[in-house]
């Protein structure tokens, strides 16, 4: 087989490989760009988290599904603008979470602690929420996070 013919046969594979690598790099860059700091001011002090943003319908539907771990200090912030009644669930979510429902003014409305992994039970906001912060279970208790505490993030007009 001559060289030109061999290159001709490899070309589709090479193009497909480059497209996949470029796509993976773009996805990684997009994910990295969507990580933002978030602060919660409690009686015990200010606690800073690094949160992934869930703003599109696809991101909100997927959330933290299929993940096997979530580090302390990390989380996902769901944008439900405008403020509304929100319902969450744990379908296909393998790790227990604390779900922190946040009003438009940045005040914590409600906390659903230690949610049950893989459950389809509905977890309601029980009031109007603009955002939901999901963090690893036990976070609210560990840091003394309570309803009424203030969340600092651009979604709520802060920072």
N, C-alpha and C. Protein backbone atom coordinates (compact mmCIF):
# COMPACT_ATOMS: atom_id res chain seq x y z
N UNK A 1 0.86 -1.18 0.00
CA UNK A 1 0.00 0.00 0.00
C UNK A 1 0.90 1.23 0.00
N UNK A 2 0.58 2.18 -0.85
CA UNK A 2 1.43 3.36 -0.90
C UNK A 2 1.04 4.36 0.19
N UNK A 3 1.91 5.29 0.43
CA UNK A 3 1.75 6.26 1.53
C UNK A 3 0.48 7.09 1.38
N UNK A 4 0.20 7.62 0.19
CA UNK A 4 -0.99 8.46 -0.03
C UNK A 4 -2.28 7.69 0.27
N UNK A 5 -2.30 6.44 -0.12
CA UNK A 5 -3.48 5.62 0.13
C UNK A 5 -3.66 5.36 1.63
N UNK A 6 -2.55 5.13 2.33
CA UNK A 6 -2.60 4.89 3.77
C UNK A 6 -3.10 6.15 4.49
N UNK A 7 -2.60 7.31 4.12
CA UNK A 7 -3.03 8.57 4.72
C UNK A 7 -4.50 8.80 4.42
N UNK A 8 -4.93 8.48 3.21
CA UNK A 8 -6.33 8.63 2.83
C UNK A 8 -7.25 7.79 3.71
N UNK A 9 -6.81 6.61 4.07
CA UNK A 9 -7.62 5.73 4.95
C UNK A 9 -7.60 6.20 6.40
N UNK A 10 -6.52 6.80 6.80
CA UNK A 10 -6.41 7.28 8.17
C UNK A 10 -7.10 8.63 8.39
N UNK A 11 -7.26 9.40 7.33
CA UNK A 11 -7.79 10.76 7.43
C UNK A 11 -9.13 10.82 8.19
N UNK A 12 -10.16 10.00 7.87
CA UNK A 12 -11.43 10.10 8.61
C UNK A 12 -11.24 9.83 10.11
N UNK A 13 -10.39 8.84 10.41
CA UNK A 13 -10.13 8.53 11.81
C UNK A 13 -9.45 9.71 12.51
N UNK A 14 -8.47 10.29 11.83
CA UNK A 14 -7.73 11.42 12.38
C UNK A 14 -8.64 12.62 12.60
N UNK A 15 -9.48 12.93 11.62
CA UNK A 15 -10.41 14.06 11.74
C UNK A 15 -11.38 13.80 12.91
N UNK A 16 -11.93 12.59 12.98
CA UNK A 16 -12.86 12.26 14.07
C UNK A 16 -12.17 12.39 15.43
N UNK A 17 -10.93 11.92 15.53
CA UNK A 17 -10.19 12.02 16.79
C UNK A 17 -9.95 13.47 17.18
N UNK A 18 -9.56 14.29 16.21
CA UNK A 18 -9.32 15.71 16.50
C UNK A 18 -10.61 16.42 16.92
N UNK A 19 -11.71 16.11 16.26
CA UNK A 19 -13.00 16.70 16.62
C UNK A 19 -13.37 16.32 18.05
N UNK A 20 -13.20 15.04 18.40
CA UNK A 20 -13.53 14.59 19.76
C UNK A 20 -12.63 15.27 20.79
N UNK A 21 -11.33 15.37 20.50
CA UNK A 21 -10.42 16.01 21.44
C UNK A 21 -10.77 17.49 21.62
N UNK A 22 -11.05 18.18 20.50
CA UNK A 22 -11.40 19.59 20.56
C UNK A 22 -12.71 19.78 21.34
N UNK A 23 -13.68 18.91 21.10
CA UNK A 23 -14.96 18.97 21.82
C UNK A 23 -14.76 18.78 23.31
N UNK A 24 -13.91 17.83 23.68
CA UNK A 24 -13.64 17.59 25.10
C UNK A 24 -12.97 18.81 25.74
N UNK A 25 -12.05 19.44 25.00
CA UNK A 25 -11.40 20.64 25.52
C UNK A 25 -12.39 21.78 25.71
N UNK A 26 -13.29 21.95 24.73
CA UNK A 26 -14.32 23.00 24.85
C UNK A 26 -15.24 22.73 26.03
N UNK A 27 -15.65 21.48 26.21
CA UNK A 27 -16.53 21.12 27.31
C UNK A 27 -15.84 21.39 28.65
N UNK A 28 -14.58 21.04 28.74
CA UNK A 28 -13.82 21.28 29.97
C UNK A 28 -13.70 22.78 30.24
N UNK A 29 -13.41 23.55 29.20
CA UNK A 29 -13.28 25.00 29.36
C UNK A 29 -14.62 25.61 29.76
N UNK A 30 -15.70 25.15 29.16
CA UNK A 30 -17.03 25.68 29.49
C UNK A 30 -17.38 25.35 30.93
N UNK A 31 -17.07 24.13 31.36
CA UNK A 31 -17.38 23.74 32.73
C UNK A 31 -16.54 24.57 33.70
N UNK A 32 -15.27 24.74 33.38
CA UNK A 32 -14.39 25.52 34.25
C UNK A 32 -14.88 26.96 34.34
N UNK A 33 -15.36 27.51 33.23
CA UNK A 33 -15.82 28.90 33.22
C UNK A 33 -17.10 29.07 34.03
N UNK A 34 -17.87 27.99 34.22
CA UNK A 34 -19.14 28.10 34.92
C UNK A 34 -19.01 27.89 36.43
N UNK A 35 -17.79 27.70 36.93
CA UNK A 35 -17.57 27.55 38.37
C UNK A 35 -17.37 28.93 38.98
N UNK A 36 -18.15 29.23 40.02
CA UNK A 36 -18.11 30.56 40.63
C UNK A 36 -18.07 30.45 42.16
N UNK A 37 -17.54 31.47 42.82
CA UNK A 37 -17.57 31.48 44.29
C UNK A 37 -18.96 31.90 44.79
N UNK A 38 -19.34 31.38 45.92
CA UNK A 38 -20.59 31.72 46.59
C UNK A 38 -20.29 31.77 48.09
N UNK A 39 -20.84 32.76 48.77
CA UNK A 39 -20.61 32.91 50.21
C UNK A 39 -21.93 32.77 50.96
N UNK A 40 -21.86 32.13 52.12
CA UNK A 40 -23.02 32.09 53.01
C UNK A 40 -22.58 32.69 54.34
N UNK A 41 -23.30 33.72 54.76
CA UNK A 41 -23.00 34.39 56.02
C UNK A 41 -23.89 33.78 57.10
N UNK A 42 -23.25 33.16 58.09
CA UNK A 42 -23.97 32.53 59.20
C UNK A 42 -23.54 33.17 60.51
N UNK A 43 -24.15 32.75 61.60
CA UNK A 43 -23.75 33.24 62.93
C UNK A 43 -22.31 32.87 63.25
N UNK A 44 -21.83 31.75 62.64
CA UNK A 44 -20.47 31.31 62.92
C UNK A 44 -19.43 31.91 61.98
N UNK A 45 -19.88 32.70 61.00
CA UNK A 45 -18.94 33.34 60.09
C UNK A 45 -19.34 33.19 58.64
N UNK A 46 -18.41 33.55 57.76
CA UNK A 46 -18.65 33.48 56.32
C UNK A 46 -18.03 32.20 55.78
N UNK A 47 -18.82 31.45 55.04
CA UNK A 47 -18.37 30.18 54.46
C UNK A 47 -18.41 30.31 52.94
N UNK A 48 -17.27 30.02 52.30
CA UNK A 48 -17.14 30.19 50.86
C UNK A 48 -17.21 28.82 50.18
N UNK A 49 -18.00 28.75 49.12
CA UNK A 49 -18.16 27.53 48.34
C UNK A 49 -17.79 27.82 46.89
N UNK A 50 -17.37 26.79 46.19
CA UNK A 50 -17.10 26.87 44.76
C UNK A 50 -18.23 26.10 44.09
N UNK A 51 -19.05 26.82 43.31
CA UNK A 51 -20.26 26.19 42.76
C UNK A 51 -20.27 26.18 41.24
N UNK A 52 -20.76 25.08 40.71
CA UNK A 52 -21.04 24.97 39.29
C UNK A 52 -22.42 25.58 39.09
N UNK A 53 -22.59 26.28 37.99
CA UNK A 53 -23.88 26.90 37.70
C UNK A 53 -24.74 25.98 36.82
N UNK A 54 -26.00 25.84 37.20
CA UNK A 54 -26.98 25.12 36.39
C UNK A 54 -28.00 26.16 35.95
N UNK A 55 -27.87 26.61 34.70
CA UNK A 55 -28.74 27.68 34.21
C UNK A 55 -29.63 27.23 33.05
N UNK A 56 -29.13 26.32 32.21
CA UNK A 56 -29.93 25.85 31.08
C UNK A 56 -30.88 24.76 31.57
N UNK A 57 -31.92 24.48 30.79
CA UNK A 57 -32.86 23.42 31.17
C UNK A 57 -32.13 22.09 31.30
N UNK A 58 -31.21 21.79 30.38
CA UNK A 58 -30.46 20.54 30.41
C UNK A 58 -29.62 20.45 31.69
N UNK A 59 -28.93 21.54 32.05
CA UNK A 59 -28.11 21.54 33.26
C UNK A 59 -28.97 21.37 34.50
N UNK A 60 -30.14 22.01 34.52
CA UNK A 60 -31.04 21.91 35.68
C UNK A 60 -31.64 20.51 35.79
N UNK A 61 -31.95 19.90 34.66
CA UNK A 61 -32.51 18.54 34.69
C UNK A 61 -31.47 17.52 35.14
N UNK A 62 -30.22 17.71 34.74
CA UNK A 62 -29.17 16.75 35.07
C UNK A 62 -28.60 16.98 36.46
N UNK A 63 -28.37 18.24 36.82
CA UNK A 63 -27.85 18.56 38.15
C UNK A 63 -26.63 17.74 38.51
N UNK A 64 -26.66 17.11 39.68
CA UNK A 64 -25.53 16.31 40.15
C UNK A 64 -25.78 14.81 39.95
N UNK A 65 -26.69 14.48 39.04
CA UNK A 65 -26.97 13.07 38.74
C UNK A 65 -25.70 12.34 38.34
N UNK A 66 -25.65 11.08 38.70
CA UNK A 66 -24.61 10.13 38.30
C UNK A 66 -23.25 10.38 38.94
N UNK A 67 -23.12 11.41 39.73
CA UNK A 67 -21.82 11.66 40.39
C UNK A 67 -21.69 10.74 41.60
N UNK A 68 -20.48 10.30 41.83
CA UNK A 68 -20.22 9.39 42.94
C UNK A 68 -19.66 10.11 44.16
N UNK A 69 -19.24 11.37 43.98
CA UNK A 69 -18.70 12.13 45.10
C UNK A 69 -18.85 13.62 44.86
N UNK A 70 -18.84 14.36 45.94
CA UNK A 70 -18.87 15.82 45.89
C UNK A 70 -18.05 16.29 47.08
N UNK A 71 -17.01 17.02 46.81
CA UNK A 71 -16.09 17.46 47.86
C UNK A 71 -16.73 18.52 48.75
N UNK A 72 -16.30 18.55 49.99
CA UNK A 72 -16.72 19.59 50.92
C UNK A 72 -16.31 20.94 50.32
N UNK A 73 -17.20 21.92 50.38
CA UNK A 73 -16.89 23.24 49.84
C UNK A 73 -17.25 23.39 48.38
N UNK A 74 -17.72 22.32 47.75
CA UNK A 74 -18.15 22.36 46.35
C UNK A 74 -19.66 22.21 46.31
N UNK A 75 -20.26 22.60 45.19
CA UNK A 75 -21.70 22.44 45.06
C UNK A 75 -22.18 22.85 43.69
N UNK A 76 -23.51 22.87 43.55
CA UNK A 76 -24.13 23.31 42.31
C UNK A 76 -25.24 24.28 42.66
N UNK A 77 -25.27 25.41 41.96
CA UNK A 77 -26.29 26.44 42.16
C UNK A 77 -27.22 26.45 40.95
N UNK A 78 -28.50 26.19 41.21
CA UNK A 78 -29.53 26.17 40.18
C UNK A 78 -30.19 27.54 40.11
N UNK A 79 -30.25 28.10 38.91
CA UNK A 79 -30.88 29.41 38.67
C UNK A 79 -32.32 29.18 38.21
N UNK A 80 -33.28 29.56 39.05
CA UNK A 80 -34.70 29.42 38.72
C UNK A 80 -35.36 30.78 38.51
N UNK A 81 -34.59 31.74 37.99
CA UNK A 81 -35.13 33.07 37.70
C UNK A 81 -36.29 32.93 36.73
N UNK A 82 -37.43 33.62 36.99
CA UNK A 82 -37.74 34.45 38.15
C UNK A 82 -38.09 33.59 39.36
N UNK A 83 -38.11 34.22 40.51
CA UNK A 83 -38.44 33.54 41.77
C UNK A 83 -39.77 32.77 41.59
N UNK A 84 -39.78 31.52 42.06
CA UNK A 84 -40.95 30.65 41.86
C UNK A 84 -40.95 29.50 42.86
N UNK A 85 -42.07 28.78 42.91
CA UNK A 85 -42.11 27.53 43.67
C UNK A 85 -41.22 26.54 42.93
N UNK A 86 -40.35 25.85 43.65
CA UNK A 86 -39.40 24.94 43.04
C UNK A 86 -39.55 23.55 43.67
N UNK A 87 -39.46 22.53 42.83
CA UNK A 87 -39.45 21.15 43.32
C UNK A 87 -38.22 20.44 42.77
N UNK A 88 -37.55 19.72 43.65
CA UNK A 88 -36.35 18.97 43.27
C UNK A 88 -36.59 17.50 43.59
N UNK A 89 -35.69 16.63 43.12
CA UNK A 89 -35.71 15.23 43.49
C UNK A 89 -34.31 14.67 43.38
N UNK A 90 -34.15 13.42 43.79
CA UNK A 90 -32.82 12.80 43.84
C UNK A 90 -32.67 11.66 42.83
N UNK A 91 -33.55 11.60 41.83
CA UNK A 91 -33.48 10.55 40.83
C UNK A 91 -32.08 10.51 40.21
N UNK A 92 -31.50 9.30 40.15
CA UNK A 92 -30.17 9.08 39.57
C UNK A 92 -29.06 9.86 40.26
N UNK A 93 -29.29 10.29 41.49
CA UNK A 93 -28.27 11.00 42.27
C UNK A 93 -27.79 10.05 43.36
N UNK A 94 -26.52 9.69 43.29
CA UNK A 94 -25.97 8.63 44.15
C UNK A 94 -25.49 9.11 45.51
N UNK A 95 -25.34 10.42 45.68
CA UNK A 95 -24.82 10.95 46.94
C UNK A 95 -25.90 11.75 47.66
N UNK A 96 -25.94 11.64 48.96
CA UNK A 96 -26.89 12.41 49.75
C UNK A 96 -26.47 13.88 49.74
N UNK A 97 -27.47 14.75 49.64
CA UNK A 97 -27.20 16.19 49.54
C UNK A 97 -27.97 16.98 50.58
N UNK A 98 -27.52 18.19 50.84
CA UNK A 98 -28.32 19.22 51.50
C UNK A 98 -28.76 20.14 50.37
N UNK A 99 -30.07 20.39 50.29
CA UNK A 99 -30.61 21.32 49.29
C UNK A 99 -31.01 22.60 50.00
N UNK A 100 -30.41 23.70 49.59
CA UNK A 100 -30.64 24.99 50.23
C UNK A 100 -31.43 25.87 49.26
N UNK A 101 -32.69 26.14 49.60
CA UNK A 101 -33.58 26.95 48.76
C UNK A 101 -33.39 28.41 49.15
N UNK A 102 -33.15 29.27 48.13
CA UNK A 102 -32.76 30.66 48.38
C UNK A 102 -33.72 31.62 47.68
N UNK A 103 -34.19 32.60 48.44
CA UNK A 103 -35.11 33.61 47.90
C UNK A 103 -34.35 34.60 47.01
N UNK A 104 -35.11 35.42 46.28
CA UNK A 104 -34.51 36.40 45.36
C UNK A 104 -33.63 37.41 46.10
N UNK A 105 -33.94 37.67 47.37
CA UNK A 105 -33.14 38.64 48.15
C UNK A 105 -31.87 38.02 48.72
N UNK A 106 -31.63 36.72 48.42
CA UNK A 106 -30.42 36.06 48.90
C UNK A 106 -30.55 35.42 50.27
N UNK A 107 -31.72 35.50 50.87
CA UNK A 107 -31.94 34.86 52.17
C UNK A 107 -32.35 33.40 51.98
N UNK A 108 -31.84 32.54 52.84
CA UNK A 108 -32.19 31.12 52.76
C UNK A 108 -33.63 30.94 53.24
N UNK A 109 -34.43 30.32 52.38
CA UNK A 109 -35.83 30.06 52.66
C UNK A 109 -35.99 28.77 53.46
N UNK A 110 -35.34 27.71 52.98
CA UNK A 110 -35.52 26.38 53.56
C UNK A 110 -34.31 25.53 53.25
N UNK A 111 -34.04 24.56 54.12
CA UNK A 111 -32.97 23.60 53.88
C UNK A 111 -33.53 22.19 54.01
N UNK A 112 -33.37 21.39 52.96
CA UNK A 112 -33.72 19.97 53.00
C UNK A 112 -32.40 19.25 53.24
N UNK A 113 -32.22 18.75 54.46
CA UNK A 113 -30.94 18.13 54.82
C UNK A 113 -30.94 16.63 54.57
N UNK A 114 -29.77 16.11 54.24
CA UNK A 114 -29.54 14.67 54.11
C UNK A 114 -30.57 13.98 53.22
N UNK A 115 -30.73 14.49 52.01
CA UNK A 115 -31.70 13.92 51.09
C UNK A 115 -31.35 12.47 50.74
N UNK A 116 -32.37 11.71 50.39
CA UNK A 116 -32.20 10.28 50.14
C UNK A 116 -31.74 10.01 48.71
N UNK A 117 -30.55 9.41 48.55
CA UNK A 117 -30.05 9.11 47.21
C UNK A 117 -31.03 8.24 46.41
N UNK A 118 -31.09 8.49 45.11
CA UNK A 118 -31.87 7.72 44.14
C UNK A 118 -33.39 7.79 44.35
N UNK A 119 -33.86 8.68 45.18
CA UNK A 119 -35.28 8.80 45.47
C UNK A 119 -35.99 9.68 44.44
N UNK A 120 -37.24 9.33 44.13
CA UNK A 120 -38.05 10.18 43.26
C UNK A 120 -39.04 11.01 44.10
N UNK A 121 -38.86 10.98 45.41
CA UNK A 121 -39.71 11.79 46.29
C UNK A 121 -39.47 13.27 45.99
N UNK A 122 -40.55 14.02 45.86
CA UNK A 122 -40.45 15.45 45.55
C UNK A 122 -40.02 16.23 46.79
N UNK A 123 -39.06 17.12 46.61
CA UNK A 123 -38.54 17.98 47.68
C UNK A 123 -38.92 19.42 47.30
N UNK A 124 -39.97 19.96 47.93
CA UNK A 124 -40.46 21.29 47.55
C UNK A 124 -39.75 22.43 48.27
N UNK A 125 -39.77 23.60 47.64
CA UNK A 125 -39.17 24.79 48.26
C UNK A 125 -40.03 25.33 49.40
N UNK A 126 -41.34 25.07 49.34
CA UNK A 126 -42.30 25.57 50.34
C UNK A 126 -42.31 27.09 50.41
N UNK A 127 -42.23 27.70 49.26
CA UNK A 127 -42.22 29.15 49.14
C UNK A 127 -41.50 29.51 47.86
N UNK A 128 -41.43 30.81 47.58
CA UNK A 128 -40.78 31.26 46.35
C UNK A 128 -39.26 31.23 46.50
N UNK A 129 -38.59 30.62 45.52
CA UNK A 129 -37.12 30.53 45.52
C UNK A 129 -36.60 30.95 44.15
N UNK A 130 -35.48 31.62 44.15
CA UNK A 130 -34.82 32.00 42.91
C UNK A 130 -33.68 31.04 42.60
N UNK A 131 -33.14 30.42 43.64
CA UNK A 131 -32.03 29.51 43.45
C UNK A 131 -32.07 28.36 44.44
N UNK A 132 -31.40 27.27 44.05
CA UNK A 132 -31.22 26.14 44.95
C UNK A 132 -29.75 25.78 44.92
N UNK A 133 -29.16 25.71 46.10
CA UNK A 133 -27.76 25.30 46.24
C UNK A 133 -27.73 23.86 46.74
N UNK A 134 -27.08 22.98 45.97
CA UNK A 134 -26.90 21.61 46.41
C UNK A 134 -25.45 21.43 46.84
N UNK A 135 -25.29 20.93 48.07
CA UNK A 135 -23.97 20.66 48.65
C UNK A 135 -24.02 19.27 49.29
N UNK A 136 -22.88 18.73 49.62
CA UNK A 136 -22.82 17.41 50.22
C UNK A 136 -23.59 17.39 51.54
N UNK A 137 -24.29 16.28 51.79
CA UNK A 137 -25.09 16.14 53.01
C UNK A 137 -24.24 16.40 54.25
N UNK A 138 -24.82 17.09 55.21
CA UNK A 138 -24.13 17.41 56.45
C UNK A 138 -23.51 18.80 56.46
N UNK A 139 -23.47 19.45 55.31
CA UNK A 139 -22.86 20.78 55.19
C UNK A 139 -23.59 21.81 56.04
N UNK A 140 -24.92 21.82 55.97
CA UNK A 140 -25.70 22.81 56.73
C UNK A 140 -25.42 22.68 58.23
N UNK A 141 -25.42 21.45 58.71
CA UNK A 141 -25.15 21.24 60.13
C UNK A 141 -23.71 21.59 60.47
N UNK A 142 -22.78 21.17 59.65
CA UNK A 142 -21.35 21.41 59.90
C UNK A 142 -21.03 22.89 60.03
N UNK A 143 -21.64 23.73 59.17
CA UNK A 143 -21.34 25.16 59.17
C UNK A 143 -22.40 26.01 59.86
N UNK A 144 -23.42 25.37 60.44
CA UNK A 144 -24.46 26.12 61.13
C UNK A 144 -25.31 26.96 60.18
N UNK A 145 -25.52 26.48 58.97
CA UNK A 145 -26.32 27.20 57.98
C UNK A 145 -27.80 27.00 58.32
N UNK A 146 -28.54 28.13 58.37
CA UNK A 146 -29.94 28.09 58.77
C UNK A 146 -30.79 28.99 57.88
N UNK A 147 -32.12 28.71 57.85
CA UNK A 147 -33.01 29.62 57.14
C UNK A 147 -32.83 31.05 57.67
N UNK A 148 -32.85 32.01 56.76
CA UNK A 148 -32.63 33.40 57.14
C UNK A 148 -31.21 33.86 56.91
N UNK A 149 -30.25 32.91 56.85
CA UNK A 149 -28.86 33.27 56.56
C UNK A 149 -28.77 33.87 55.16
N UNK A 150 -27.75 34.69 54.95
CA UNK A 150 -27.59 35.44 53.69
C UNK A 150 -26.61 34.75 52.76
N UNK A 151 -27.01 34.62 51.48
CA UNK A 151 -26.15 34.04 50.45
C UNK A 151 -25.65 35.16 49.56
N UNK A 152 -24.33 35.24 49.39
CA UNK A 152 -23.71 36.25 48.53
C UNK A 152 -23.29 35.63 47.21
N UNK A 153 -23.97 36.04 46.14
CA UNK A 153 -23.67 35.56 44.79
C UNK A 153 -24.38 36.50 43.82
N UNK A 154 -23.80 36.73 42.62
CA UNK A 154 -24.44 37.63 41.65
C UNK A 154 -25.89 37.29 41.31
N UNK A 155 -26.27 36.03 41.39
CA UNK A 155 -27.65 35.63 41.12
C UNK A 155 -28.63 36.34 42.04
N UNK A 156 -28.16 36.68 43.25
CA UNK A 156 -29.01 37.32 44.25
C UNK A 156 -28.64 38.79 44.46
N UNK A 157 -27.96 39.36 43.49
CA UNK A 157 -27.62 40.78 43.56
C UNK A 157 -26.37 41.10 44.36
N UNK A 158 -25.65 40.08 44.81
CA UNK A 158 -24.44 40.32 45.59
C UNK A 158 -23.19 40.05 44.76
N UNK A 159 -22.09 40.64 45.10
CA UNK A 159 -20.77 40.46 44.49
C UNK A 159 -20.85 40.58 43.00
